[in-house]
Protein backbone atom coordinates (compact mmCIF):
# COMPACT_ATOMS: atom_id res chain seq x y z
CA MET A 1 -71.09 -1.14 -187.81
CA GLU A 2 -74.28 -3.03 -188.28
CA ILE A 3 -76.74 -3.06 -185.48
CA ILE A 4 -79.81 -5.46 -185.64
CA LEU A 5 -82.97 -4.41 -183.88
CA LYS A 6 -85.62 -7.16 -183.14
CA ILE A 7 -89.08 -5.66 -182.40
CA PRO A 8 -92.47 -7.16 -182.97
CA ASP A 9 -94.01 -6.42 -186.45
CA GLU A 10 -96.91 -4.68 -184.78
CA LEU A 11 -94.67 -2.22 -183.08
CA ALA A 12 -92.55 -1.75 -186.24
CA ARG A 13 -95.77 -0.87 -188.08
CA GLN A 14 -96.76 1.73 -185.23
CA VAL A 15 -93.22 3.35 -185.37
CA ALA A 16 -92.94 3.48 -189.18
CA SER A 17 -95.79 5.03 -191.25
CA GLU A 18 -97.09 3.09 -194.28
CA GLY A 19 -94.46 2.73 -196.92
CA LYS A 20 -91.49 3.65 -194.66
CA ASP A 21 -88.63 1.30 -194.04
CA PRO A 22 -88.60 0.62 -190.23
CA ALA A 23 -84.84 0.23 -190.36
CA ARG A 24 -84.64 3.71 -191.86
CA VAL A 25 -87.01 5.21 -189.32
CA ALA A 26 -84.82 3.76 -186.48
CA LEU A 27 -81.58 5.04 -188.03
CA GLU A 28 -83.23 8.54 -188.32
CA ALA A 29 -84.37 8.48 -184.85
CA LEU A 30 -80.81 7.56 -183.61
CA ALA A 31 -79.35 10.43 -185.70
CA LEU A 32 -81.97 12.96 -184.35
CA GLU A 33 -81.39 11.94 -180.74
CA GLY A 34 -77.70 12.01 -181.09
CA TYR A 35 -77.81 15.40 -182.54
CA ARG A 36 -80.17 16.74 -179.81
CA ALA A 37 -77.99 15.28 -177.15
CA GLU A 38 -74.91 17.03 -178.86
CA ARG A 39 -73.32 13.67 -179.26
CA LEU A 40 -73.55 13.73 -183.20
CA SER A 41 -72.52 16.68 -185.41
CA GLU A 42 -74.16 17.86 -188.61
CA SER A 43 -71.32 16.06 -190.49
CA ALA A 44 -71.97 12.90 -188.66
CA ILE A 45 -75.66 12.99 -189.48
CA ARG A 46 -74.81 13.60 -193.10
CA GLN A 47 -72.52 10.68 -193.32
CA MET A 48 -74.82 8.42 -191.22
CA LEU A 49 -77.92 9.11 -193.41
CA GLY A 50 -76.17 9.48 -196.71
CA PHE A 51 -76.92 13.08 -197.36
CA GLU A 52 -74.85 14.94 -199.82
CA SER A 53 -74.94 18.45 -198.35
CA ARG A 54 -75.38 20.39 -195.14
CA ILE A 55 -78.55 21.87 -196.62
CA GLN A 56 -80.07 18.38 -196.69
CA VAL A 57 -79.16 17.88 -193.07
CA HIS A 58 -80.73 21.23 -192.07
CA ALA A 59 -83.92 20.38 -193.98
CA PHE A 60 -83.99 16.93 -192.19
CA LEU A 61 -83.61 18.61 -188.69
CA LYS A 62 -86.17 21.18 -189.60
CA GLU A 63 -88.65 18.55 -190.79
CA HIS A 64 -88.31 16.79 -187.38
CA GLY A 65 -88.56 20.05 -185.38
CA VAL A 66 -84.80 20.01 -184.23
CA HIS A 67 -83.03 23.27 -183.91
CA LEU A 68 -79.61 23.82 -185.34
CA HIS A 69 -76.87 24.14 -182.67
CA TYR A 70 -75.90 27.82 -183.05
CA ASP A 71 -74.55 30.15 -180.42
CA LEU A 72 -73.13 33.61 -179.99
CA SER A 73 -69.65 32.51 -181.13
CA ASP A 74 -71.22 31.09 -184.40
CA LEU A 75 -73.15 34.38 -184.84
CA ASP A 76 -70.00 36.42 -184.30
CA ARG A 77 -68.08 34.27 -186.71
CA ASP A 78 -70.80 34.53 -189.32
CA ARG A 79 -70.90 38.40 -188.86
CA ILE A 80 -67.17 38.64 -189.40
CA THR A 81 -67.28 36.59 -192.48
CA SER A 82 -70.23 38.58 -193.90
CA GLU A 83 -68.34 41.87 -193.33
CA ARG A 84 -65.31 40.51 -195.05
CA SER A 85 -67.27 39.24 -198.03
CA ARG A 86 -69.23 42.66 -198.28
CA ALA A 87 -65.85 44.56 -198.18
CA LYS A 88 -64.38 42.40 -200.99
CA ARG A 89 -67.38 42.91 -203.13
CA SER A 90 -67.37 46.69 -202.71
CA GLY A 91 -63.75 47.14 -203.36
CA PRO A 92 -61.66 49.88 -201.43
CA GLU A 93 -63.31 52.31 -199.25
CA PRO A 94 -63.71 55.72 -200.89
CA THR A 95 -61.55 58.54 -199.57
CA ASN A 96 -62.53 62.17 -199.07
CA GLU A 97 -59.29 63.48 -200.59
CA PRO A 98 -59.74 65.37 -203.85
CA ARG A 99 -58.54 63.58 -207.01
CA LEU A 100 -55.74 65.09 -208.88
CA GLY A 101 -55.91 65.58 -212.66
């Protein structure tokens, strides 16, 4: 979808710092507000702004002072994933049984 915004040149200059594309500034502002309001996901922002990775989205959000949406269920899921990964790397748990032979 294409959206056209018509604003006076003077306002465009105030909103977009020197050398920045006012259309890109408006698109980024829309993405930021959509994420803050929980109407856009990280994936939607990535697609909307043409980022190639979640890391780029995280950096963009951080640069603009927007915190990631991360709650206790996310923390619990990450903890479980971390424990599984750690268990795979360390191999089977050692036993206290004496070794034969």
